[in-house]
Amino acid sequence: MQKKILTIEDDTQIVELLKIHLSDMDCKMDWAKDGLSGLRKFNNQEYELIILDIMLPGLDGFEVCKRIRADNNYTPILMLTSKSEELDKVLGLELGADDYLTKPFSIRELVARIKAIFRRIEVDKKKNEPSPTSNEKLVFGDLIIYSEKRKVSLDGKYIDLTAREFDLLALFASRPGRAYSRQELLDIVWGYNYDGYEHTVNSHINRLRSKIEKDPANCRFIKTIWGVGYGFAEPEEFDE
C-alpha cells in the first residue's frame, strides 16, 4: 500500500527533490510551505510520516510538533533544520520528534532515515500482534517450548539455547508457516536500531538448527524460504 507523507518545508528545491525520491519509494507526498497550512493538511488527512522543517513562516516547526503531540497523535515526525546547535536537537526530540536531520544533508541519508522509521513502525505492529501467553507450552512433535521458563526440550531432554537462539525459536514457533526475511528477524529479535548485518541471522539460525534438527540438511522445524528468509514448519507437518 502506498504510504502518505506530509512535508512541511518552505524550500521548494528540497521539496522537489523529496517528491522525486519519495515517489521512487512508492510514497505519495503532500506539501505545505508554512506551519499553519501544514497543520490544516495534517488535521484533514492521515499520514504515515511528517517531514517537518523547523525554520518556517508563521508557526515554526517546534510549535507545529508541539500542537500535533498535544492531541496525543503519534504520527512519526522527522525534523529538518539548517541549524546544528545541540539545544535545537534536544528541544525537537523533547517535543516529540522521532528523528532529526541537519541541513545540508544527502538525499541518501534522508531516504535511509525514512526507511528506518517505517521499519520501526512495522516492528512495533508485529510486537503488538497476539502472541502466545507467557506460560504457554508449545508442542511440535518431540519439540516442546516452555515460554515462561524459556526452556526447550527435544525427545524428552532439555537442550541449551542462548537467549538469542531461544528468542528466534519462540518467534518462529508462535506463528508457524509465517515467513520472515533476515531484515525482519534483525528488527524484531535484535532491535530495529541494531547496527549489524543479515549474516548474523544466518549464523544464529545455523547454530539453532544444529541443536534442534536431527538432520540439519533436511530440517523439520526451521525451514528456509527461498527468496524470503526463514519460517517454522506448518502445524499439519507434525500431525501423527
Protein backbone atom coordinates (compact mmCIF):
# COMPACT_ATOMS: atom_id res chain seq x y z
CA MET A 1 0.00 0.00 0.00
CA GLN A 2 1.27 3.46 -0.92
CA LYS A 3 2.38 5.46 2.12
CA LYS A 4 1.30 9.08 2.52
CA ILE A 5 3.86 11.63 3.73
CA LEU A 6 3.29 15.26 4.62
CA THR A 7 6.27 17.56 4.01
CA ILE A 8 6.12 20.97 5.71
CA GLU A 9 9.01 22.88 4.15
CA ASP A 10 9.41 26.31 2.54
CA ASP A 11 12.46 25.46 0.41
CA THR A 12 10.99 24.49 -2.97
CA GLN A 13 14.24 22.88 -4.17
CA ILE A 14 14.21 20.46 -1.23
CA VAL A 15 10.51 19.82 -1.80
CA GLU A 16 11.01 18.91 -5.49
CA LEU A 17 13.92 16.64 -4.62
CA LEU A 18 11.89 14.92 -1.92
CA LYS A 19 8.93 14.45 -4.25
CA ILE A 20 11.10 12.58 -6.77
CA HIS A 21 12.75 10.26 -4.27
CA LEU A 22 9.62 9.58 -2.23
CA SER A 23 7.83 8.64 -5.42
CA ASP A 24 10.60 6.10 -6.07
CA MET A 25 9.82 4.66 -2.61
CA ASP A 26 6.13 4.29 -3.60
CA CYS A 27 5.15 7.14 -1.29
CA LYS A 28 2.68 9.91 -2.04
CA MET A 29 3.78 13.33 -0.77
CA ASP A 30 1.59 16.26 0.20
CA TRP A 31 3.27 19.62 0.69
CA ALA A 32 2.71 22.69 2.82
CA LYS A 33 5.02 25.71 2.71
CA ASP A 34 4.24 27.07 6.19
CA GLY A 35 3.39 25.76 9.61
CA LEU A 36 -0.26 26.80 9.74
CA SER A 37 -1.23 25.31 6.37
CA GLY A 38 0.77 22.22 7.32
CA LEU A 39 -1.34 21.79 10.46
CA ARG A 40 -4.53 22.20 8.42
CA LYS A 41 -3.46 19.48 6.00
CA PHE A 42 -2.46 17.22 8.87
CA ASN A 43 -5.83 17.66 10.58
CA ASN A 44 -7.70 16.79 7.38
CA GLN A 45 -5.69 13.73 6.29
CA GLU A 46 -3.99 10.68 7.75
CA TYR A 47 -0.26 10.37 7.14
CA GLU A 48 2.36 7.73 7.87
CA LEU A 49 5.11 10.35 8.33
CA ILE A 50 5.62 14.09 8.67
CA ILE A 51 8.82 15.69 7.37
CA LEU A 52 8.96 18.98 9.25
CA ASP A 53 11.30 21.92 8.80
CA ILE A 54 11.98 24.00 11.90
CA MET A 55 12.50 27.39 10.26
CA LEU A 56 9.05 28.05 8.75
CA PRO A 57 6.99 31.18 8.04
CA GLY A 58 4.40 31.82 10.74
CA LEU A 59 4.34 28.83 13.08
CA ASP A 60 7.80 27.29 13.34
CA GLY A 61 8.42 23.55 13.33
CA PHE A 62 8.72 23.37 17.12
CA GLU A 63 5.22 24.79 17.56
CA VAL A 64 3.78 22.54 14.85
CA CYS A 65 5.31 19.49 16.54
CA LYS A 66 4.06 20.63 19.93
CA ARG A 67 0.47 21.05 18.70
CA ILE A 68 0.44 17.66 16.97
CA ARG A 69 1.67 15.88 20.07
CA ALA A 70 -0.72 17.87 22.29
CA ASP A 71 -3.57 15.98 20.59
CA ASN A 72 -1.92 12.66 21.53
CA ASN A 73 -1.19 11.95 17.90
CA TYR A 74 1.95 9.86 17.46
CA THR A 75 2.45 10.04 13.70
CA PRO A 76 6.25 9.86 13.24
CA ILE A 77 7.94 13.24 12.76
CA LEU A 78 11.30 13.70 11.05
CA MET A 79 12.62 17.23 11.71
CA LEU A 80 14.80 19.18 9.29
CA THR A 81 16.77 22.30 10.13
CA SER A 82 19.66 24.37 8.88
CA LYS A 83 20.80 24.81 12.47
CA SER A 84 23.26 22.45 14.14
CA GLU A 85 23.08 23.59 17.75
CA GLU A 86 22.60 20.70 20.16
CA LEU A 87 19.92 22.67 22.05
CA ASP A 88 17.66 22.71 18.98
CA LYS A 89 18.05 18.96 18.53
CA VAL A 90 17.25 18.29 22.17
CA LEU A 91 14.22 20.59 22.09
CA GLY A 92 12.86 18.95 18.94
CA LEU A 93 13.21 15.48 20.40
CA GLU A 94 11.72 16.52 23.74
CA LEU A 95 8.69 17.93 21.93
CA GLY A 96 8.13 14.52 20.36
CA ALA A 97 10.11 14.37 17.12
CA ASP A 98 11.22 10.84 16.21
CA ASP A 99 14.36 11.78 14.31
CA TYR A 100 16.39 14.84 13.37
CA LEU A 101 18.42 15.74 10.29
CA THR A 102 20.56 18.85 9.87
CA LYS A 103 20.85 20.70 6.55
CA PRO A 104 22.69 20.30 4.31
CA PHE A 105 22.05 16.55 4.16
CA SER A 106 22.45 13.92 1.48
CA ILE A 107 19.25 12.60 -0.03
CA ARG A 108 20.54 9.06 0.55
CA GLU A 109 20.77 9.72 4.28
CA LEU A 110 17.27 11.17 4.34
CA VAL A 111 15.86 8.16 2.49
CA ALA A 112 17.68 5.84 4.91
CA ARG A 113 16.17 7.68 7.89
CA ILE A 114 12.67 7.44 6.39
CA LYS A 115 13.07 3.72 5.73
CA ALA A 116 14.29 3.20 9.31
CA ILE A 117 11.20 4.96 10.68
CA PHE A 118 8.87 2.87 8.53
CA ARG A 119 10.73 -0.28 9.57
CA ARG A 120 10.33 0.63 13.22
CA ILE A 121 6.59 1.12 12.70
CA GLU A 122 6.30 -2.38 11.21
CA VAL A 123 8.31 -3.83 14.11
CA ASP A 124 6.01 -2.14 16.62
CA LYS A 125 2.97 -3.55 14.81
CA LYS A 126 4.42 -7.07 14.93
CA LYS A 127 5.18 -6.72 18.63
CA ASN A 128 1.55 -5.80 19.24
CA GLU A 129 0.22 -8.81 17.35
CA PRO A 130 -1.39 -11.51 19.50
CA SER A 131 1.24 -13.92 20.76
CA PRO A 132 1.28 -16.98 22.99
CA THR A 133 0.77 -16.27 26.68
CA SER A 134 3.90 -16.33 28.79
CA ASN A 135 3.04 -19.67 30.44
CA GLU A 136 2.02 -21.44 27.25
CA LYS A 137 3.63 -24.72 26.27
CA LEU A 138 4.13 -25.09 22.53
CA VAL A 139 4.36 -28.66 21.28
CA PHE A 140 5.64 -29.65 17.85
CA GLY A 141 6.11 -33.39 17.76
CA ASP A 142 9.04 -34.19 20.05
CA LEU A 143 9.98 -30.49 20.38
CA ILE A 144 8.43 -28.65 23.34
CA ILE A 145 8.93 -24.93 24.04
CA TYR A 146 8.17 -23.66 27.56
CA SER A 147 7.66 -19.90 27.10
CA GLU A 148 7.58 -18.88 30.76
CA LYS A 149 10.59 -20.98 31.74
CA ARG A 150 12.41 -20.11 28.50
CA LYS A 151 13.35 -23.76 28.15
CA VAL A 152 13.20 -26.17 25.25
CA SER A 153 13.11 -29.96 25.31
CA LEU A 154 13.73 -32.38 22.46
CA ASP A 155 13.00 -36.10 22.76
CA GLY A 156 12.34 -35.55 26.48
CA LYS A 157 15.69 -33.86 27.17
CA TYR A 158 16.32 -30.18 27.78
CA ILE A 159 18.67 -28.51 25.31
CA ASP A 160 20.81 -25.47 25.97
CA LEU A 161 19.98 -22.41 23.90
CA THR A 162 21.42 -18.93 24.13
CA ALA A 163 18.95 -16.10 24.84
CA ARG A 164 19.03 -15.04 21.18
CA GLU A 165 18.52 -18.59 19.94
CA PHE A 166 15.52 -19.00 22.22
CA ASP A 167 14.04 -15.68 21.06
CA LEU A 168 14.38 -16.77 17.43
CA LEU A 169 12.82 -20.17 18.07
CA ALA A 170 9.96 -18.71 20.14
CA LEU A 171 9.21 -16.16 17.42
CA PHE A 172 9.12 -18.81 14.70
CA ALA A 173 7.04 -21.24 16.77
CA SER A 174 4.50 -18.59 17.75
CA ARG A 175 3.48 -18.21 14.09
CA PRO A 176 4.06 -21.48 12.22
CA GLY A 177 4.12 -21.09 8.45
CA ARG A 178 4.87 -17.36 8.62
CA ALA A 179 7.93 -16.40 6.53
CA TYR A 180 10.39 -13.83 7.95
CA SER A 181 13.07 -12.03 5.99
CA ARG A 182 16.51 -11.69 7.55
CA GLN A 183 15.95 -7.96 7.98
CA GLU A 184 12.66 -8.60 9.80
CA LEU A 185 14.40 -11.02 12.16
CA LEU A 186 17.12 -8.46 12.86
CA ASP A 187 14.48 -5.81 13.57
CA ILE A 188 12.29 -7.98 15.81
CA VAL A 189 14.84 -10.08 17.71
CA TRP A 190 17.88 -7.79 17.77
CA GLY A 191 16.01 -4.47 17.67
CA TYR A 192 15.27 -2.15 14.74
CA ASN A 193 18.28 0.05 15.51
CA TYR A 194 20.71 -2.87 15.66
CA ASP A 195 23.78 -1.92 13.64
CA GLY A 196 24.53 -5.41 12.40
CA TYR A 197 24.36 -7.46 9.22
CA GLU A 198 22.00 -10.08 7.85
CA HIS A 199 24.67 -12.80 8.02
CA THR A 200 24.27 -12.51 11.82
CA VAL A 201 20.84 -14.10 11.37
CA ASN A 202 22.27 -16.90 9.21
CA SER A 203 24.90 -17.85 11.78
CA HIS A 204 22.36 -17.91 14.64
CA ILE A 205 19.92 -19.98 12.57
CA ASN A 206 22.67 -22.45 11.74
CA ARG A 207 23.62 -22.86 15.42
CA LEU A 208 19.96 -23.21 16.41
CA ARG A 209 19.40 -25.86 13.75
CA SER A 210 22.44 -27.80 14.92
CA LYS A 211 20.78 -28.11 18.33
CA ILE A 212 17.18 -28.94 17.39
CA GLU A 213 17.37 -30.59 13.98
CA LYS A 214 18.32 -34.26 13.74
CA ASP A 215 19.36 -33.69 10.14
CA PRO A 216 20.31 -30.01 9.52
CA ALA A 217 20.42 -30.78 5.80
CA ASN A 218 16.74 -31.79 5.91
CA CYS A 219 15.17 -29.56 8.55
CA ARG A 220 11.85 -30.45 10.20
CA PHE A 221 11.35 -27.27 12.18
CA ILE A 222 13.08 -24.18 10.78
CA LYS A 223 12.59 -24.05 7.05
CA THR A 224 14.50 -21.98 4.51
CA ILE A 225 12.00 -19.97 2.46
CA TRP A 226 13.88 -19.35 -0.77
CA GLY A 227 13.88 -15.74 -1.85
CA VAL A 228 12.48 -14.61 1.51
CA GLY A 229 14.30 -15.96 4.56
CA TYR A 230 13.13 -18.43 7.19
CA GLY A 231 9.94 -19.79 8.71
CA PHE A 232 8.64 -22.50 11.02
CA ALA A 233 7.02 -25.67 9.66
CA GLU A 234 3.24 -25.74 9.21
CA PRO A 235 1.32 -27.34 12.14
CA GLU A 236 -0.02 -30.15 9.96
CA GLU A 237 3.54 -31.34 9.34
CA PHE A 238 3.62 -32.50 12.98
CA ASP A 239 0.31 -34.36 12.90
CA GLU A 240 0.53 -38.05 13.62
